N, C-alpha and C. Protein backbone atom coordinates (compact mmCIF):
# COMPACT_ATOMS: atom_id res chain seq x y z
N MET A 1 117.34 127.72 78.77
CA MET A 1 115.91 127.56 79.00
C MET A 1 115.51 127.88 80.40
N LYS A 2 116.34 127.39 81.37
CA LYS A 2 116.06 127.66 82.79
C LYS A 2 116.19 129.16 83.05
N ALA A 3 117.19 129.76 82.43
CA ALA A 3 117.39 131.24 82.65
C ALA A 3 116.18 132.02 82.19
N ALA A 4 115.61 131.59 81.06
CA ALA A 4 114.39 132.34 80.55
C ALA A 4 113.24 132.18 81.50
N PHE A 5 113.05 131.01 82.03
CA PHE A 5 111.95 130.83 83.02
C PHE A 5 112.16 131.67 84.29
N LEU A 6 113.38 131.66 84.75
CA LEU A 6 113.69 132.43 85.95
C LEU A 6 113.55 133.93 85.71
N ALA A 7 113.94 134.42 84.53
CA ALA A 7 113.79 135.80 84.20
C ALA A 7 112.33 136.20 84.15
N VAL A 8 111.49 135.36 83.50
CA VAL A 8 110.03 135.65 83.47
C VAL A 8 109.43 135.67 84.86
N ALA A 9 109.80 134.72 85.72
CA ALA A 9 109.28 134.66 87.09
C ALA A 9 109.72 135.87 87.87
N ALA A 10 110.98 136.33 87.71
CA ALA A 10 111.44 137.48 88.43
C ALA A 10 110.74 138.71 87.96
N ALA A 11 110.52 138.82 86.65
CA ALA A 11 109.83 140.04 86.10
C ALA A 11 108.39 140.07 86.62
N VAL A 12 107.68 138.95 86.66
CA VAL A 12 106.29 138.89 87.13
C VAL A 12 106.28 139.38 88.57
N THR A 13 107.15 138.82 89.40
CA THR A 13 107.21 139.18 90.81
C THR A 13 107.52 140.70 91.04
N LEU A 14 108.45 141.20 90.26
CA LEU A 14 108.75 142.64 90.44
C LEU A 14 107.58 143.53 90.00
N LEU A 15 106.91 143.12 88.92
CA LEU A 15 105.75 143.88 88.43
C LEU A 15 104.66 143.91 89.50
N LEU A 16 104.40 142.73 90.06
CA LEU A 16 103.36 142.68 91.07
C LEU A 16 103.74 143.38 92.37
N ALA A 17 105.01 143.44 92.70
CA ALA A 17 105.41 144.04 93.97
C ALA A 17 105.70 145.54 93.83
N GLY A 18 105.51 146.10 92.68
CA GLY A 18 105.89 147.47 92.44
C GLY A 18 105.21 148.49 93.34
N CYS A 19 103.93 148.48 93.52
CA CYS A 19 103.21 149.44 94.28
C CYS A 19 102.11 148.70 95.10
N GLU A 20 102.55 148.18 96.22
CA GLU A 20 101.69 147.32 97.03
C GLU A 20 101.68 147.72 98.48
N THR A 21 100.70 147.20 99.17
CA THR A 21 100.63 147.34 100.61
C THR A 21 101.35 146.15 101.23
N GLN A 22 101.52 146.15 102.52
CA GLN A 22 102.19 145.05 103.19
C GLN A 22 101.41 143.74 102.99
N ASN A 23 100.08 143.78 103.10
CA ASN A 23 99.29 142.58 102.91
C ASN A 23 99.56 141.97 101.53
N GLN A 24 99.58 142.79 100.49
CA GLN A 24 99.85 142.32 99.14
C GLN A 24 101.21 141.73 99.01
N THR A 25 102.23 142.41 99.60
CA THR A 25 103.61 141.95 99.46
C THR A 25 103.72 140.58 100.19
N GLN A 26 103.17 140.46 101.37
CA GLN A 26 103.27 139.21 102.08
C GLN A 26 102.53 138.07 101.37
N ALA A 27 101.35 138.38 100.88
CA ALA A 27 100.55 137.37 100.19
C ALA A 27 101.21 136.96 98.89
N THR A 28 101.89 137.91 98.20
CA THR A 28 102.61 137.56 96.95
C THR A 28 103.77 136.63 97.25
N ALA A 29 104.50 136.96 98.30
CA ALA A 29 105.67 136.16 98.64
C ALA A 29 105.26 134.76 99.10
N VAL A 30 104.23 134.68 99.93
CA VAL A 30 103.77 133.35 100.37
C VAL A 30 103.22 132.52 99.22
N GLY A 31 102.46 133.20 98.31
CA GLY A 31 101.92 132.52 97.14
C GLY A 31 103.02 131.99 96.23
N ALA A 32 104.02 132.85 96.02
CA ALA A 32 105.19 132.42 95.16
C ALA A 32 105.92 131.24 95.73
N ALA A 33 106.21 131.30 97.05
CA ALA A 33 106.91 130.17 97.68
C ALA A 33 106.12 128.91 97.66
N THR A 34 104.81 129.01 97.96
CA THR A 34 103.93 127.81 97.95
C THR A 34 103.80 127.25 96.50
N GLY A 35 103.60 128.15 95.58
CA GLY A 35 103.47 127.71 94.20
C GLY A 35 104.73 127.04 93.69
N ALA A 36 105.86 127.59 94.05
CA ALA A 36 107.16 127.02 93.59
C ALA A 36 107.34 125.65 94.20
N ALA A 37 107.01 125.50 95.45
CA ALA A 37 107.15 124.21 96.12
C ALA A 37 106.25 123.17 95.51
N ILE A 38 104.99 123.52 95.33
CA ILE A 38 104.03 122.61 94.71
C ILE A 38 104.42 122.28 93.31
N GLY A 39 104.78 123.31 92.51
CA GLY A 39 105.16 123.07 91.11
C GLY A 39 106.38 122.26 90.99
N GLY A 40 107.38 122.50 91.81
CA GLY A 40 108.60 121.68 91.78
C GLY A 40 108.36 120.24 92.22
N LEU A 41 107.59 120.07 93.27
CA LEU A 41 107.35 118.69 93.76
C LEU A 41 106.49 117.91 92.78
N THR A 42 105.50 118.51 92.20
CA THR A 42 104.61 117.72 91.33
C THR A 42 105.26 117.44 89.94
N SER A 43 106.06 118.39 89.48
CA SER A 43 106.70 118.16 88.14
C SER A 43 108.08 117.54 88.25
N GLY A 44 108.74 117.74 89.37
CA GLY A 44 110.10 117.23 89.48
C GLY A 44 111.12 118.02 88.70
N SER A 45 110.81 119.23 88.34
CA SER A 45 111.73 120.03 87.52
C SER A 45 111.78 121.46 87.97
N VAL A 46 112.81 122.17 87.59
CA VAL A 46 112.98 123.56 87.92
C VAL A 46 111.89 124.39 87.17
N ALA A 47 111.66 124.02 85.92
CA ALA A 47 110.68 124.72 85.07
C ALA A 47 109.26 124.69 85.78
N GLY A 48 108.91 123.53 86.34
CA GLY A 48 107.69 123.40 87.05
C GLY A 48 107.62 124.28 88.28
N ALA A 49 108.80 124.39 89.00
CA ALA A 49 108.82 125.26 90.15
C ALA A 49 108.72 126.72 89.77
N VAL A 50 109.30 127.11 88.66
CA VAL A 50 109.22 128.50 88.20
C VAL A 50 107.80 128.85 87.79
N VAL A 51 107.18 127.97 87.06
CA VAL A 51 105.80 128.19 86.62
C VAL A 51 104.87 128.23 87.84
N GLY A 52 105.04 127.33 88.75
CA GLY A 52 104.26 127.30 90.01
C GLY A 52 104.49 128.53 90.84
N GLY A 53 105.74 128.99 90.89
CA GLY A 53 106.04 130.21 91.66
C GLY A 53 105.38 131.44 91.05
N ALA A 54 105.42 131.56 89.73
CA ALA A 54 104.76 132.70 89.08
C ALA A 54 103.30 132.68 89.25
N THR A 55 102.67 131.49 89.09
CA THR A 55 101.25 131.36 89.30
C THR A 55 100.85 131.66 90.74
N GLY A 56 101.66 131.15 91.65
CA GLY A 56 101.35 131.43 93.07
C GLY A 56 101.53 132.86 93.43
N ALA A 57 102.48 133.58 92.80
CA ALA A 57 102.69 135.02 93.08
C ALA A 57 101.48 135.81 92.61
N VAL A 58 100.94 135.46 91.47
CA VAL A 58 99.79 136.13 90.95
C VAL A 58 98.56 135.88 91.83
N ALA A 59 98.39 134.61 92.19
CA ALA A 59 97.23 134.26 93.08
C ALA A 59 97.37 134.96 94.43
N GLY A 60 98.55 134.96 94.98
CA GLY A 60 98.77 135.60 96.32
C GLY A 60 98.54 137.04 96.23
N ASN A 61 98.95 137.71 95.17
CA ASN A 61 98.73 139.16 95.03
C ASN A 61 97.24 139.48 94.95
N LEU A 62 96.54 138.66 94.23
CA LEU A 62 95.06 138.89 94.12
C LEU A 62 94.40 138.71 95.50
N ILE A 63 94.86 137.74 96.24
CA ILE A 63 94.30 137.49 97.58
C ILE A 63 94.64 138.72 98.49
N GLY A 64 95.85 139.23 98.39
CA GLY A 64 96.25 140.36 99.21
C GLY A 64 95.46 141.60 98.85
N ARG A 65 95.16 141.77 97.56
CA ARG A 65 94.36 142.92 97.15
C ARG A 65 92.92 142.83 97.69
N ALA A 66 92.39 141.62 97.69
CA ALA A 66 91.03 141.44 98.20
C ALA A 66 90.97 141.73 99.66
N ALA A 67 92.04 141.34 100.41
CA ALA A 67 92.11 141.62 101.86
C ALA A 67 92.18 143.11 102.08
N ASP A 68 92.94 143.81 101.27
CA ASP A 68 93.06 145.25 101.44
C ASP A 68 91.80 146.06 101.04
N SER A 69 91.05 145.53 100.08
CA SER A 69 89.89 146.25 99.63
C SER A 69 88.84 146.35 100.72
N GLN A 70 88.87 145.52 101.70
CA GLN A 70 87.91 145.58 102.80
C GLN A 70 88.11 146.80 103.66
N THR A 71 89.31 147.40 103.65
CA THR A 71 89.56 148.57 104.48
C THR A 71 89.72 149.83 103.68
N GLN A 72 89.46 149.79 102.36
CA GLN A 72 89.65 150.91 101.50
C GLN A 72 88.24 151.35 100.94
N CYS A 73 88.01 152.62 100.84
CA CYS A 73 86.78 153.17 100.31
C CYS A 73 87.09 154.08 99.11
N ARG A 74 86.12 154.21 98.25
CA ARG A 74 86.29 155.06 97.06
C ARG A 74 85.54 156.35 97.27
N TYR A 75 86.23 157.47 97.02
CA TYR A 75 85.71 158.80 97.25
C TYR A 75 85.74 159.59 96.00
N ARG A 76 84.92 160.64 95.94
CA ARG A 76 84.93 161.59 94.78
C ARG A 76 85.07 163.01 95.37
N ASN A 77 86.05 163.78 94.82
CA ASN A 77 86.23 165.12 95.36
C ASN A 77 85.39 166.14 94.56
N SER A 78 85.44 167.40 94.89
CA SER A 78 84.56 168.40 94.31
C SER A 78 84.84 168.59 92.77
N ALA A 79 86.01 168.18 92.29
CA ALA A 79 86.31 168.29 90.83
C ALA A 79 85.81 167.06 90.10
N GLY A 80 85.23 166.09 90.78
CA GLY A 80 84.72 164.92 90.15
C GLY A 80 85.72 163.80 89.97
N GLU A 81 86.95 163.99 90.54
CA GLU A 81 87.97 162.95 90.47
C GLU A 81 87.71 161.93 91.58
N THR A 82 87.92 160.61 91.24
CA THR A 82 87.79 159.59 92.27
C THR A 82 89.15 159.25 92.84
N TYR A 83 89.15 158.85 94.07
CA TYR A 83 90.39 158.33 94.69
C TYR A 83 89.99 157.29 95.75
N ILE A 84 90.99 156.56 96.15
CA ILE A 84 90.79 155.44 97.11
C ILE A 84 91.63 155.83 98.37
N ALA A 85 90.97 155.74 99.50
CA ALA A 85 91.64 156.00 100.83
C ALA A 85 91.07 155.09 101.87
N ARG A 86 91.68 155.08 103.03
CA ARG A 86 91.17 154.27 104.14
C ARG A 86 89.82 154.66 104.53
N CYS A 87 88.97 153.70 104.81
CA CYS A 87 87.59 153.95 105.27
C CYS A 87 87.61 154.54 106.65
N PRO A 88 86.55 155.28 107.01
CA PRO A 88 86.41 155.75 108.37
C PRO A 88 86.28 154.59 109.37
N GLU A 89 86.69 154.73 110.53
CA GLU A 89 86.64 153.71 111.57
C GLU A 89 85.25 153.13 111.75
N SER A 90 84.20 153.96 111.58
CA SER A 90 82.86 153.50 111.78
C SER A 90 82.44 152.52 110.71
N MET A 91 83.10 152.51 109.57
CA MET A 91 82.68 151.57 108.44
C MET A 91 83.62 150.37 108.37
N MET A 92 84.59 150.24 109.22
CA MET A 92 85.52 149.09 109.23
C MET A 92 84.83 147.80 109.68
N PRO A 93 85.20 146.73 109.07
CA PRO A 93 84.58 145.43 109.47
C PRO A 93 85.00 144.99 110.85
């Protein structure tokens, strides 16, 4: 049972970390560690730590994406395709 929980947590973390920026990677790691600590302490079990870690990783990843979206702009090229790239310095917060 513990092995299944650990496998799911590892899979979620790898999926979230697949194509990320440094902000997202750091936020995912911090979220996973914090979630695991809180889940383990409140439940007193490894399963609680694994669930907390997976939940924290997802939350941290979303927070990292939100932080990155402030420096990214959406553009459209002459063929009508959209892409995302860093905003010009004049538009940075």
